[in-house]
Amino acid sequence: MQCPVCKQRASSLPRYALSLQGVSLRQSLLGLLKCEHCGALLRTVRYSNNLWFAAMAGLALLTIVVALFSVERLRSLGNLVVLLYWVLLVIIVIGIYVYGIWKAAILEQVTDVQESKPTIS
């Protein structure tokens, strides 16, 4: 994600995934963030098409992993191994999703916080 004001990376991946990115909780829920370089108030407008292609590829990969999953082989190692396998798989999928959203976000500068409120049509 590139800041439209200073043309630098607006937020690092850890900041994007683990913080409110310099705004209040209410503003964060509205999709707002502040650029970590220039401090401009930004809003996520949309995501590039690469994100959707990557999501479909990830879904296909997850389908293949589930289809080839051998329950008997892992079950012979114990229930804890099966549990850890699925927890690790879910963590990897969530991590890839968060990375994709962070990388593919297209931002615009917000001049007024009131204009960023979503409208219901």
PDB file of N, CA and C in Angstrom:
ATOM      1  N   MET A   1       0.841  -1.165   0.000  1.00  0.00           N
ATOM      2  CA  MET A   1       0.000   0.000   0.000  1.00  0.00           C
ATOM      3  C   MET A   1       0.888   1.230   0.000  1.00  0.00           C
ATOM      4  N   GLN A   2       0.620   2.089  -0.944  1.00  0.00           N
ATOM      5  CA  GLN A   2       1.434   3.281  -1.138  1.00  0.00           C
ATOM      6  C   GLN A   2       0.627   4.523  -0.789  1.00  0.00           C
ATOM      7  N   CYS A   3       1.237   5.416  -0.034  1.00  0.00           N
ATOM      8  CA  CYS A   3       0.591   6.665   0.338  1.00  0.00           C
ATOM      9  C   CYS A   3       0.501   7.561  -0.895  1.00  0.00           C
ATOM     10  N   PRO A   4      -0.690   8.076  -1.225  1.00  0.00           N
ATOM     11  CA  PRO A   4      -0.805   8.952  -2.390  1.00  0.00           C
ATOM     12  C   PRO A   4      -0.186  10.332  -2.172  1.00  0.00           C
ATOM     13  N   VAL A   5       0.107  10.696  -0.932  1.00  0.00           N
ATOM     14  CA  VAL A   5       0.664  12.012  -0.635  1.00  0.00           C
ATOM     15  C   VAL A   5       2.185  12.011  -0.766  1.00  0.00           C
ATOM     16  N   CYS A   6       2.852  11.107  -0.030  1.00  0.00           N
ATOM     17  CA  CYS A   6       4.315  11.097  -0.020  1.00  0.00           C
ATOM     18  C   CYS A   6       4.920  10.010  -0.905  1.00  0.00           C
ATOM     19  N   LYS A   7       4.103   9.150  -1.496  1.00  0.00           N
ATOM     20  CA  LYS A   7       4.534   8.086  -2.407  1.00  0.00           C
ATOM     21  C   LYS A   7       5.450   7.056  -1.745  1.00  0.00           C
ATOM     22  N   GLN A   8       5.353   6.927  -0.425  1.00  0.00           N
ATOM     23  CA  GLN A   8       6.096   5.896   0.295  1.00  0.00           C
ATOM     24  C   GLN A   8       5.106   4.872   0.838  1.00  0.00           C
ATOM     25  N   ARG A   9       5.640   3.790   1.408  1.00  0.00           N
ATOM     26  CA  ARG A   9       4.774   2.766   1.994  1.00  0.00           C
ATOM     27  C   ARG A   9       4.031   3.371   3.181  1.00  0.00           C
ATOM     28  N   ALA A  10       2.722   3.289   3.163  1.00  0.00           N
ATOM     29  CA  ALA A  10       1.894   3.949   4.179  1.00  0.00           C
ATOM     30  C   ALA A  10       1.968   3.271   5.536  1.00  0.00           C
ATOM     31  N   SER A  11       2.129   1.956   5.556  1.00  0.00           N
ATOM     32  CA  SER A  11       2.125   1.220   6.810  1.00  0.00           C
ATOM     33  C   SER A  11       2.926  -0.055   6.640  1.00  0.00           C
ATOM     34  N   SER A  12       3.675  -0.421   7.672  1.00  0.00           N
ATOM     35  CA  SER A  12       4.409  -1.685   7.626  1.00  0.00           C
ATOM     36  C   SER A  12       3.449  -2.833   7.936  1.00  0.00           C
ATOM     37  N   LEU A  13       3.844  -4.027   7.573  1.00  0.00           N
ATOM     38  CA  LEU A  13       2.971  -5.184   7.796  1.00  0.00           C
ATOM     39  C   LEU A  13       2.670  -5.401   9.281  1.00  0.00           C
ATOM     40  N   PRO A  14       3.657  -5.374  10.190  1.00  0.00           N
ATOM     41  CA  PRO A  14       3.309  -5.547  11.611  1.00  0.00           C
ATOM     42  C   PRO A  14       2.386  -4.441  12.130  1.00  0.00           C
ATOM     43  N   ARG A  15       2.614  -3.205  11.699  1.00  0.00           N
ATOM     44  CA  ARG A  15       1.749  -2.100  12.114  1.00  0.00           C
ATOM     45  C   ARG A  15       0.340  -2.299  11.572  1.00  0.00           C
ATOM     46  N   TYR A  16       0.220  -2.759  10.334  1.00  0.00           N
ATOM     47  CA  TYR A  16      -1.080  -2.981   9.711  1.00  0.00           C
ATOM     48  C   TYR A  16      -1.836  -4.101  10.425  1.00  0.00           C
ATOM     49  N   ALA A  17      -1.125  -5.176  10.759  1.00  0.00           N
ATOM     50  CA  ALA A  17      -1.783  -6.356  11.325  1.00  0.00           C
ATOM     51  C   ALA A  17      -2.064  -6.240  12.826  1.00  0.00           C
ATOM     52  N   LEU A  18      -1.256  -5.452  13.548  1.00  0.00           N
ATOM     53  CA  LEU A  18      -1.331  -5.510  15.002  1.00  0.00           C
ATOM     54  C   LEU A  18      -1.714  -4.208  15.696  1.00  0.00           C
ATOM     55  N   SER A  19      -2.007  -3.132  14.953  1.00  0.00           N
ATOM     56  CA  SER A  19      -2.319  -1.867  15.618  1.00  0.00           C
ATOM     57  C   SER A  19      -3.488  -1.159  14.923  1.00  0.00           C
ATOM     58  N   LEU A  20      -3.876  -0.030  15.499  1.00  0.00           N
ATOM     59  CA  LEU A  20      -4.944   0.792  14.924  1.00  0.00           C
ATOM     60  C   LEU A  20      -4.394   1.767  13.887  1.00  0.00           C
ATOM     61  N   GLN A  21      -3.086   1.767  13.669  1.00  0.00           N
ATOM     62  CA  GLN A  21      -2.409   2.567  12.651  1.00  0.00           C
ATOM     63  C   GLN A  21      -2.570   4.058  12.844  1.00  0.00           C
ATOM     64  N   GLY A  22      -2.509   4.507  14.091  1.00  0.00           N
ATOM     65  CA  GLY A  22      -2.494   5.931  14.373  1.00  0.00           C
ATOM     66  C   GLY A  22      -3.849   6.615  14.416  1.00  0.00           C
ATOM     67  N   VAL A  23      -4.926   5.865  14.388  1.00  0.00           N
ATOM     68  CA  VAL A  23      -6.266   6.451  14.455  1.00  0.00           C
ATOM     69  C   VAL A  23      -7.043   5.801  15.597  1.00  0.00           C
ATOM     70  N   SER A  24      -8.201   6.372  15.915  1.00  0.00           N
ATOM     71  CA  SER A  24      -9.032   5.799  16.971  1.00  0.00           C
ATOM     72  C   SER A  24      -9.676   4.495  16.495  1.00  0.00           C
ATOM     73  N   LEU A  25     -10.230   3.758  17.422  1.00  0.00           N
ATOM     74  CA  LEU A  25     -10.886   2.501  17.072  1.00  0.00           C
ATOM     75  C   LEU A  25     -12.041   2.735  16.114  1.00  0.00           C
ATOM     76  N   ARG A  26     -12.812   3.781  16.347  1.00  0.00           N
ATOM     77  CA  ARG A  26     -13.944   4.105  15.463  1.00  0.00           C
ATOM     78  C   ARG A  26     -13.470   4.390  14.043  1.00  0.00           C
ATOM     79  N   GLN A  27     -12.404   5.180  13.920  1.00  0.00           N
ATOM     80  CA  GLN A  27     -11.863   5.491  12.594  1.00  0.00           C
ATOM     81  C   GLN A  27     -11.269   4.252  11.934  1.00  0.00           C
ATOM     82  N   SER A  28     -10.648   3.411  12.725  1.00  0.00           N
ATOM     83  CA  SER A  28     -10.074   2.179  12.181  1.00  0.00           C
ATOM     84  C   SER A  28     -11.167   1.268  11.629  1.00  0.00           C
ATOM     85  N   LEU A  29     -12.294   1.201  12.321  1.00  0.00           N
ATOM     86  CA  LEU A  29     -13.410   0.391  11.845  1.00  0.00           C
ATOM     87  C   LEU A  29     -14.013   0.954  10.559  1.00  0.00           C
ATOM     88  N   LEU A  30     -13.841   2.260  10.324  1.00  0.00           N
ATOM     89  CA  LEU A  30     -14.301   2.886   9.085  1.00  0.00           C
ATOM     90  C   LEU A  30     -13.303   2.695   7.941  1.00  0.00           C
ATOM     91  N   GLY A  31     -12.149   2.067   8.228  1.00  0.00           N
ATOM     92  CA  GLY A  31     -11.149   1.823   7.192  1.00  0.00           C
ATOM     93  C   GLY A  31     -10.115   2.910   7.049  1.00  0.00           C
ATOM     94  N   LEU A  32      -9.986   3.769   8.053  1.00  0.00           N
ATOM     95  CA  LEU A  32      -9.020   4.864   7.995  1.00  0.00           C
ATOM     96  C   LEU A  32      -7.703   4.457   8.636  1.00  0.00           C
ATOM     97  N   LEU A  33      -6.614   5.075   8.198  1.00  0.00           N
ATOM     98  CA  LEU A  33      -5.300   4.883   8.781  1.00  0.00           C
ATOM     99  C   LEU A  33      -4.468   6.125   8.527  1.00  0.00           C
ATOM    100  N   LYS A  34      -3.359   6.275   9.264  1.00  0.00           N
ATOM    101  CA  LYS A  34      -2.447   7.391   9.049  1.00  0.00           C
ATOM    102  C   LYS A  34      -1.151   6.849   8.472  1.00  0.00           C
ATOM    103  N   CYS A  35      -0.622   7.569   7.497  1.00  0.00           N
ATOM    104  CA  CYS A  35       0.659   7.208   6.907  1.00  0.00           C
ATOM    105  C   CYS A  35       1.730   7.329   7.983  1.00  0.00           C
ATOM    106  N   GLU A  36       2.593   6.339   8.092  1.00  0.00           N
ATOM    107  CA  GLU A  36       3.623   6.394   9.126  1.00  0.00           C
ATOM    108  C   GLU A  36       4.762   7.341   8.756  1.00  0.00           C
ATOM    109  N   HIS A  37       4.831   7.814   7.524  1.00  0.00           N
ATOM    110  CA  HIS A  37       5.893   8.730   7.114  1.00  0.00           C
ATOM    111  C   HIS A  37       5.447  10.188   7.175  1.00  0.00           C
ATOM    112  N   CYS A  38       4.299  10.512   6.564  1.00  0.00           N
ATOM    113  CA  CYS A  38       3.873  11.916   6.501  1.00  0.00           C
ATOM    114  C   CYS A  38       2.692  12.220   7.420  1.00  0.00           C
ATOM    115  N   GLY A  39       2.032  11.219   7.977  1.00  0.00           N
ATOM    116  CA  GLY A  39       0.923  11.437   8.893  1.00  0.00           C
ATOM    117  C   GLY A  39      -0.397  11.781   8.230  1.00  0.00           C
ATOM    118  N   ALA A  40      -0.487  11.638   6.909  1.00  0.00           N
ATOM    119  CA  ALA A  40      -1.732  11.938   6.195  1.00  0.00           C
ATOM    120  C   ALA A  40      -2.811  10.916   6.556  1.00  0.00           C
ATOM    121  N   LEU A  41      -4.042  11.379   6.679  1.00  0.00           N
ATOM    122  CA  LEU A  41      -5.175  10.505   6.953  1.00  0.00           C
ATOM    123  C   LEU A  41      -5.610   9.856   5.636  1.00  0.00           C
ATOM    124  N   LEU A  42      -5.627   8.541   5.604  1.00  0.00           N
ATOM    125  CA  LEU A  42      -5.895   7.786   4.385  1.00  0.00           C
ATOM    126  C   LEU A  42      -7.063   6.843   4.586  1.00  0.00           C
ATOM    127  N   ARG A  43      -7.662   6.436   3.475  1.00  0.00           N
ATOM    128  CA  ARG A  43      -8.765   5.474   3.481  1.00  0.00           C
ATOM    129  C   ARG A  43      -8.510   4.436   2.398  1.00  0.00           C
ATOM    130  N   THR A  44      -8.809   3.179   2.712  1.00  0.00           N
ATOM    131  CA  THR A  44      -8.713   2.121   1.709  1.00  0.00           C
ATOM    132  C   THR A  44      -9.917   2.224   0.788  1.00  0.00           C
ATOM    133  N   VAL A  45      -9.646   2.428  -0.506  1.00  0.00           N
ATOM    134  CA  VAL A  45     -10.713   2.594  -1.488  1.00  0.00           C
ATOM    135  C   VAL A  45     -11.110   1.243  -2.064  1.00  0.00           C
ATOM    136  N   ARG A  46     -10.111   0.480  -2.469  1.00  0.00           N
ATOM    137  CA  ARG A  46     -10.372  -0.838  -3.048  1.00  0.00           C
ATOM    138  C   ARG A  46      -9.082  -1.624  -3.005  1.00  0.00           C
ATOM    139  N   TYR A  47      -9.117  -2.826  -3.548  1.00  0.00           N
ATOM    140  CA  TYR A  47      -7.944  -3.686  -3.598  1.00  0.00           C
ATOM    141  C   TYR A  47      -7.646  -4.015  -5.058  1.00  0.00           C
ATOM    142  N   SER A  48      -6.363  -4.185  -5.365  1.00  0.00           N
ATOM    143  CA  SER A  48      -5.986  -4.492  -6.748  1.00  0.00           C
ATOM    144  C   SER A  48      -6.447  -5.900  -7.114  1.00  0.00           C
ATOM    145  N   ASN A  49      -6.539  -6.156  -8.404  1.00  0.00           N
ATOM    146  CA  ASN A  49      -7.003  -7.462  -8.879  1.00  0.00           C
ATOM    147  C   ASN A  49      -6.085  -8.598  -8.461  1.00  0.00           C
ATOM    148  N   ASN A  50      -4.815  -8.304  -8.219  1.00  0.00           N
ATOM    149  CA  ASN A  50      -3.883  -9.352  -7.798  1.00  0.00           C
ATOM    150  C   ASN A  50      -4.340 -10.039  -6.522  1.00  0.00           C
ATOM    151  N   LEU A  51      -4.992  -9.293  -5.639  1.00  0.00           N
ATOM    152  CA  LEU A  51      -5.465  -9.885  -4.387  1.00  0.00           C
ATOM    153  C   LEU A  51      -6.489 -10.977  -4.663  1.00  0.00           C
ATOM    154  N   TRP A  52      -7.398 -10.735  -5.588  1.00  0.00           N
ATOM    155  CA  TRP A  52      -8.447 -11.715  -5.861  1.00  0.00           C
ATOM    156  C   TRP A  52      -7.886 -12.939  -6.565  1.00  0.00           C
ATOM    157  N   PHE A  53      -6.896 -12.744  -7.447  1.00  0.00           N
ATOM    158  CA  PHE A  53      -6.247 -13.894  -8.084  1.00  0.00           C
ATOM    159  C   PHE A  53      -5.492 -14.727  -7.046  1.00  0.00           C
ATOM    160  N   ALA A  54      -4.810 -14.061  -6.124  1.00  0.00           N
ATOM    161  CA  ALA A  54      -4.080 -14.769  -5.073  1.00  0.00           C
ATOM    162  C   ALA A  54      -5.038 -15.497  -4.134  1.00  0.00           C
ATOM    163  N   ALA A  55      -6.186 -14.883  -3.848  1.00  0.00           N
ATOM    164  CA  ALA A  55      -7.170 -15.539  -2.975  1.00  0.00           C
ATOM    165  C   ALA A  55      -7.713 -16.808  -3.621  1.00  0.00           C
ATOM    166  N   MET A  56      -7.968 -16.761  -4.915  1.00  0.00           N
ATOM    167  CA  MET A  56      -8.456 -17.957  -5.608  1.00  0.00           C
ATOM    168  C   MET A  56      -7.381 -19.046  -5.644  1.00  0.00           C
ATOM    169  N   ALA A  57      -6.126 -18.650  -5.850  1.00  0.00           N
ATOM    170  CA  ALA A  57      -5.029 -19.623  -5.841  1.00  0.00           C
ATOM    171  C   ALA A  57      -4.866 -20.237  -4.453  1.00  0.00           C
ATOM    172  N   GLY A  58      -4.996 -19.415  -3.415  1.00  0.00           N
ATOM    173  CA  GLY A  58      -4.912 -19.928  -2.048  1.00  0.00           C
ATOM    174  C   GLY A  58      -6.041 -20.874  -1.720  1.00  0.00           C
ATOM    175  N   LEU A  59      -7.233 -20.559  -2.178  1.00  0.00           N
ATOM    176  CA  LEU A  59      -8.375 -21.443  -1.966  1.00  0.00           C
ATOM    177  C   LEU A  59      -8.172 -22.777  -2.685  1.00  0.00           C
ATOM    178  N   ALA A  60      -7.626 -22.720  -3.896  1.00  0.00           N
ATOM    179  CA  ALA A  60      -7.338 -23.953  -4.636  1.00  0.00           C
ATOM    180  C   ALA A  60      -6.285 -24.779  -3.900  1.00  0.00           C
ATOM    181  N   LEU A  61      -5.238 -24.122  -3.379  1.00  0.00           N
ATOM    182  CA  LEU A  61      -4.202 -24.834  -2.638  1.00  0.00           C
ATOM    183  C   LEU A  61      -4.766 -25.462  -1.374  1.00  0.00           C
ATOM    184  N   LEU A  62      -5.604 -24.725  -0.664  1.00  0.00           N
ATOM    185  CA  LEU A  62      -6.222 -25.265   0.546  1.00  0.00           C
ATOM    186  C   LEU A  62      -7.114 -26.465   0.214  1.00  0.00           C
ATOM    187  N   THR A  63      -7.831 -26.403  -0.898  1.00  0.00           N
ATOM    188  CA  THR A  63      -8.666 -27.524  -1.330  1.00  0.00           C
ATOM    189  C   THR A  63      -7.816 -28.757  -1.615  1.00  0.00           C
ATOM    190  N   ILE A  64      -6.691 -28.555  -2.258  1.00  0.00           N
ATOM    191  CA  ILE A  64      -5.787 -29.682  -2.552  1.00  0.00           C
ATOM    192  C   ILE A  64      -5.242 -30.285  -1.259  1.00  0.00           C
ATOM    193  N   VAL A  65      -4.843 -29.438  -0.301  1.00  0.00           N
ATOM    194  CA  VAL A  65      -4.314 -29.941   0.965  1.00  0.00           C
ATOM    195  C   VAL A  65      -5.368 -30.752   1.703  1.00  0.00           C
ATOM    196  N   VAL A  66      -6.597 -30.248   1.733  1.00  0.00           N
ATOM    197  CA  VAL A  66      -7.674 -30.964   2.419  1.00  0.00           C
ATOM    198  C   VAL A  66      -7.998 -32.271   1.691  1.00  0.00           C
ATOM    199  N   ALA A  67      -7.988 -32.237   0.357  1.00  0.00           N
ATOM    200  CA  ALA A  67      -8.298 -33.447  -0.416  1.00  0.00           C
ATOM    201  C   ALA A  67      -7.236 -34.524  -0.231  1.00  0.00           C
ATOM    202  N   LEU A  68      -5.990 -34.116  -0.086  1.00  0.00           N
ATOM    203  CA  LEU A  68      -4.909 -35.089   0.059  1.00  0.00           C
ATOM    204  C   LEU A  68      -4.602 -35.429   1.509  1.00  0.00           C
ATOM    205  N   PHE A  69      -5.354 -34.856   2.431  1.00  0.00           N
ATOM    206  CA  PHE A  69      -5.123 -35.075   3.856  1.00  0.00           C
ATOM    207  C   PHE A  69      -5.403 -36.535   4.222  1.00  0.00           C
ATOM    208  N   SER A  70      -4.412 -37.183   4.783  1.00  0.00           N
ATOM    209  CA  SER A  70      -4.562 -38.570   5.200  1.00  0.00           C
ATOM    210  C   SER A  70      -4.805 -38.610   6.708  1.00  0.00           C
ATOM    211  N   VAL A  71      -6.056 -38.805   7.068  1.00  0.00           N
ATOM    212  CA  VAL A  71      -6.430 -38.808   8.474  1.00  0.00           C
ATOM    213  C   VAL A  71      -5.767 -39.975   9.202  1.00  0.00           C
ATOM    214  N   GLU A  72      -5.728 -41.114   8.580  1.00  0.00           N
ATOM    215  CA  GLU A  72      -5.186 -42.298   9.247  1.00  0.00           C
ATOM    216  C   GLU A  72      -3.696 -42.151   9.557  1.00  0.00           C
ATOM    217  N   ARG A  73      -2.951 -41.541   8.633  1.00  0.00           N
ATOM    218  CA  ARG A  73      -1.514 -41.377   8.848  1.00  0.00           C
ATOM    219  C   ARG A  73      -1.253 -40.444  10.028  1.00  0.00           C
ATOM    220  N   LEU A  74      -1.972 -39.323  10.094  1.00  0.00           N
ATOM    221  CA  LEU A  74      -1.780 -38.401  11.199  1.00  0.00           C
ATOM    222  C   LEU A  74      -2.392 -38.908  12.495  1.00  0.00           C
ATOM    223  N   ARG A  75      -3.514 -39.584  12.393  1.00  0.00           N
ATOM    224  CA  ARG A  75      -4.178 -40.093  13.590  1.00  0.00           C
ATOM    225  C   ARG A  75      -3.312 -41.125  14.303  1.00  0.00           C
ATOM    226  N   SER A  76      -2.491 -41.842  13.540  1.00  0.00           N
ATOM    227  CA  SER A  76      -1.588 -42.813  14.168  1.00  0.00           C
ATOM    228  C   SER A  76      -0.537 -42.105  15.018  1.00  0.00           C
ATOM    229  N   LEU A  77      -0.277 -40.832  14.730  1.00  0.00           N
ATOM    230  CA  LEU A  77       0.672 -40.062  15.531  1.00  0.00           C
ATOM    231  C   LEU A  77       0.013 -39.454  16.768  1.00  0.00           C
ATOM    232  N   GLY A  78      -1.306 -39.394  16.785  1.00  0.00           N
ATOM    233  CA  GLY A  78      -2.026 -38.890  17.951  1.00  0.00           C
ATOM    234  C   GLY A  78      -2.926 -37.717  17.602  1.00  0.00           C
ATOM    235  N   ASN A  79      -3.921 -37.517  18.462  1.00  0.00           N
ATOM    236  CA  ASN A  79      -4.886 -36.442  18.246  1.00  0.00           C
ATOM    237  C   ASN A  79      -4.242 -35.059  18.349  1.00  0.00           C
ATOM    238  N   LEU A  80      -3.220 -34.932  19.179  1.00  0.00           N
ATOM    239  CA  LEU A  80      -2.557 -33.644  19.331  1.00  0.00           C
ATOM    240  C   LEU A  80      -1.883 -33.224  18.026  1.00  0.00           C
ATOM    241  N   VAL A  81      -1.317 -34.164  17.307  1.00  0.00           N
ATOM    242  CA  VAL A  81      -0.677 -33.859  16.030  1.00  0.00           C
ATOM    243  C   VAL A  81      -1.711 -33.397  15.011  1.00  0.00           C
ATOM    244  N   VAL A  82      -2.867 -34.047  14.993  1.00  0.00           N
ATOM    245  CA  VAL A  82      -3.939 -33.639  14.082  1.00  0.00           C
ATOM    246  C   VAL A  82      -4.403 -32.222  14.423  1.00  0.00           C
ATOM    247  N   LEU A  83      -4.578 -31.932  15.706  1.00  0.00           N
ATOM    248  CA  LEU A  83      -4.984 -30.600  16.134  1.00  0.00           C
ATOM    249  C   LEU A  83      -3.942 -29.552  15.744  1.00  0.00           C
ATOM    250  N   LEU A  84      -2.674 -29.823  16.010  1.00  0.00           N
ATOM    251  CA  LEU A  84      -1.611 -28.878  15.660  1.00  0.00           C
ATOM    252  C   LEU A  84      -1.524 -28.673  14.156  1.00  0.00           C
ATOM    253  N   TYR A  85      -1.757 -29.717  13.377  1.00  0.00           N
ATOM    254  CA  TYR A  85      -1.734 -29.621  11.916  1.00  0.00           C
ATOM    255  C   TYR A  85      -2.787 -28.634  11.433  1.00  0.00           C
ATOM    256  N   TRP A  86      -4.013 -28.769  11.923  1.00  0.00           N
ATOM    257  CA  TRP A  86      -5.092 -27.890  11.473  1.00  0.00           C
ATOM    258  C   TRP A  86      -4.935 -26.466  11.999  1.00  0.00           C
ATOM    259  N   VAL A  87      -4.464 -26.306  13.229  1.00  0.00           N
ATOM    260  CA  VAL A  87      -4.226 -24.968  13.775  1.00  0.00           C
ATOM    261  C   VAL A  87      -3.142 -24.269  12.958  1.00  0.00           C
ATOM    262  N   LEU A  88      -2.067 -24.967  12.636  1.00  0.00           N
ATOM    263  CA  LEU A  88      -0.997 -24.390  11.825  1.00  0.00           C
ATOM    264  C   LEU A  88      -1.501 -24.019  10.431  1.00  0.00           C
ATOM    265  N   LEU A  89      -2.323 -24.860   9.847  1.00  0.00           N
ATOM    266  CA  LEU A  89      -2.878 -24.581   8.531  1.00  0.00           C
ATOM    267  C   LEU A  89      -3.761 -23.317   8.560  1.00  0.00           C
ATOM    268  N   VAL A  90      -4.586 -23.175   9.582  1.00  0.00           N
ATOM    269  CA  VAL A  90      -5.447 -21.993   9.712  1.00  0.00           C
ATOM    270  C   VAL A  90      -4.601 -20.737   9.924  1.00  0.00           C
ATOM    271  N   ILE A  91      -3.559 -20.810  10.737  1.00  0.00           N
ATOM    272  CA  ILE A  91      -2.687 -19.658  10.980  1.00  0.00           C
ATOM    273  C   ILE A  91      -1.987 -19.234   9.689  1.00  0.00           C
ATOM    274  N   ILE A  92      -1.540 -20.186   8.893  1.00  0.00           N
ATOM    275  CA  ILE A  92      -0.881 -19.867   7.627  1.00  0.00           C
ATOM    276  C   ILE A  92      -1.854 -19.183   6.671  1.00  0.00           C
ATOM    277  N   VAL A  93      -3.072 -19.690   6.580  1.00  0.00           N
ATOM    278  CA  VAL A  93      -4.068 -19.099   5.683  1.00  0.00           C
ATOM    279  C   VAL A  93      -4.416 -17.672   6.122  1.00  0.00           C
ATOM    280  N   ILE A  94      -4.597 -17.446   7.413  1.00  0.00           N
ATOM    281  CA  ILE A  94      -4.895 -16.100   7.915  1.00  0.00           C
ATOM    282  C   ILE A  94      -3.722 -15.159   7.650  1.00  0.00           C
ATOM    283  N   GLY A  95      -2.505 -15.633   7.866  1.00  0.00           N
ATOM    284  CA  GLY A  95      -1.323 -14.814   7.604  1.00  0.00           C
ATOM    285  C   GLY A  95      -1.209 -14.410   6.148  1.00  0.00           C
ATOM    286  N   ILE A  96      -1.455 -15.330   5.254  1.00  0.00           N
ATOM    287  CA  ILE A  96      -1.406 -15.023   3.821  1.00  0.00           C
ATOM    288  C   ILE A  96      -2.501 -14.037   3.450  1.00  0.00           C
ATOM    289  N   TYR A  97      -3.671 -14.175   4.034  1.00  0.00           N
ATOM    290  CA  TYR A  97      -4.780 -13.258   3.765  1.00  0.00           C
ATOM    291  C   TYR A  97      -4.446 -11.831   4.219  1.00  0.00           C
ATOM    292  N   VAL A  98      -3.923 -11.696   5.441  1.00  0.00           N
ATOM    293  CA  VAL A  98      -3.565 -10.375   5.966  1.00  0.00           C
ATOM    294  C   VAL A  98      -2.462  -9.750   5.113  1.00  0.00           C
ATOM    295  N   TYR A  99      -1.468 -10.535   4.718  1.00  0.00           N
ATOM    296  CA  TYR A  99      -0.401 -10.017   3.868  1.00  0.00           C
ATOM    297  C   TYR A  99      -0.961  -9.542   2.522  1.00  0.00           C
ATOM    298  N   GLY A 100      -1.865 -10.311   1.943  1.00  0.00           N
ATOM    299  CA  GLY A 100      -2.450  -9.936   0.658  1.00  0.00           C
ATOM    300  C   GLY A 100      -3.250  -8.661   0.735  1.00  0.00           C
ATOM    301  N   ILE A 101      -4.041  -8.496   1.788  1.00  0.00           N
ATOM    302  CA  ILE A 101      -4.829  -7.278   1.952  1.00  0.00           C
ATOM    303  C   ILE A 101      -3.907  -6.077   2.165  1.00  0.00           C
ATOM    304  N   TRP A 102      -2.840  -6.265   2.947  1.00  0.00           N
ATOM    305  CA  TRP A 102      -1.899  -5.171   3.194  1.00  0.00           C
ATOM    306  C   TRP A 102      -1.196  -4.758   1.907  1.00  0.00           C
ATOM    307  N   LYS A 103      -0.781  -5.731   1.122  1.00  0.00           N
ATOM    308  CA  LYS A 103      -0.004  -5.448  -0.079  1.00  0.00           C
ATOM    309  C   LYS A 103      -0.867  -4.869  -1.201  1.00  0.00           C
ATOM    310  N   ALA A 104      -2.123  -5.265  -1.309  1.00  0.00           N
ATOM    311  CA  ALA A 104      -2.958  -4.909  -2.457  1.00  0.00           C
ATOM    312  C   ALA A 104      -3.886  -3.728  -2.220  1.00  0.00           C
ATOM    313  N   ALA A 105      -3.841  -3.112  -1.046  1.00  0.00           N
ATOM    314  CA  ALA A 105      -4.749  -2.000  -0.755  1.00  0.00           C
ATOM    315  C   ALA A 105      -4.401  -0.773  -1.586  1.00  0.00           C
ATOM    316  N   ILE A 106      -5.425  -0.138  -2.126  1.00  0.00           N
ATOM    317  CA  ILE A 106      -5.272   1.114  -2.860  1.00  0.00           C
ATOM    318  C   ILE A 106      -5.892   2.207  -1.996  1.00  0.00           C
ATOM    319  N   LEU A 107      -5.089   3.222  -1.678  1.00  0.00           N
ATOM    320  CA  LEU A 107      -5.490   4.246  -0.713  1.00  0.00           C
ATOM    321  C   LEU A 107      -5.774   5.581  -1.384  1.00  0.00           C
ATOM    322  N   GLU A 108      -6.570   6.397  -0.685  1.00  0.00           N
ATOM    323  CA  GLU A 108      -6.767   7.783  -1.088  1.00  0.00           C
ATOM    324  C   GLU A 108      -6.717   8.644   0.159  1.00  0.00           C
ATOM    325  N   GLN A 109      -6.368   9.914  -0.026  1.00  0.00           N
ATOM    326  CA  GLN A 109      -6.290  10.830   1.100  1.00  0.00           C
ATOM    327  C   GLN A 109      -7.690  11.295   1.484  1.00  0.00           C
ATOM    328  N   VAL A 110      -7.922  11.390   2.787  1.00  0.00           N
ATOM    329  CA  VAL A 110      -9.192  11.856   3.317  1.00  0.00           C
ATOM    330  C   VAL A 110      -8.966  13.258   3.869  1.00  0.00           C
ATOM    331  N   THR A 111      -9.757  14.214   3.398  1.00  0.00           N
ATOM    332  CA  THR A 111      -9.620  15.584   3.888  1.00  0.00           C
ATOM    333  C   THR A 111     -10.546  15.852   5.062  1.00  0.00           C
ATOM    334  N   ASP A 112     -11.679  15.179   5.110  1.00  0.00           N
ATOM    335  CA  ASP A 112     -12.647  15.364   6.179  1.00  0.00           C
ATOM    336  C   ASP A 112     -13.098  13.998   6.672  1.00  0.00           C
ATOM    337  N   VAL A 113     -13.028  13.787   7.982  1.00  0.00           N
ATOM    338  CA  VAL A 113     -13.413  12.494   8.553  1.00  0.00           C
ATOM    339  C   VAL A 113     -14.887  12.214   8.301  1.00  0.00           C
ATOM    340  N   GLN A 114     -15.728  13.233   8.255  1.00  0.00           N
ATOM    341  CA  GLN A 114     -17.155  13.039   8.028  1.00  0.00           C
ATOM    342  C   GLN A 114     -17.434  12.480   6.638  1.00  0.00           C
ATOM    343  N   GLU A 115     -16.574  12.806   5.664  1.00  0.00           N
ATOM    344  CA  GLU A 115     -16.816  12.310   4.302  1.00  0.00           C
ATOM    345  C   GLU A 115     -16.501  10.820   4.168  1.00  0.00           C
ATOM    346  N   SER A 116     -15.791  10.277   5.144  1.00  0.00           N
ATOM    347  CA  SER A 116     -15.392   8.878   5.058  1.00  0.00           C
ATOM    348  C   SER A 116     -16.435   7.923   5.606  1.00  0.00           C
ATOM    349  N   LYS A 117     -17.536   8.448   6.117  1.00  0.00           N
ATOM    350  CA  LYS A 117     -18.580   7.576   6.667  1.00  0.00           C
ATOM    351  C   LYS A 117     -19.221   6.798   5.512  1.00  0.00           C
ATOM    352  N   PRO A 118     -19.380   5.480   5.695  1.00  0.00           N
ATOM    353  CA  PRO A 118     -20.043   4.708   4.655  1.00  0.00           C
ATOM    354  C   PRO A 118     -21.526   5.060   4.546  1.00  0.00           C
ATOM    355  N   THR A 119     -22.029   5.080   3.358  1.00  0.00           N
ATOM    356  CA  THR A 119     -23.443   5.372   3.154  1.00  0.00           C
ATOM    357  C   THR A 119     -24.189   4.092   2.827  1.00  0.00           C
ATOM    358  N   ILE A 120     -25.395   4.007   3.312  1.00  0.00           N
ATOM    359  CA  ILE A 120     -26.241   2.836   3.045  1.00  0.00           C
ATOM    360  C   ILE A 120     -27.222   3.219   1.954  1.00  0.00           C
ATOM    361  N   SER A 121     -27.214   2.444   0.872  1.00  0.00           N
ATOM    362  CA  SER A 121     -28.124   2.774  -0.230  1.00  0.00           C
ATOM    363  C   SER A 121     -29.156   1.701  -0.421  1.00  0.00           C
TER     364      SER A 121
END
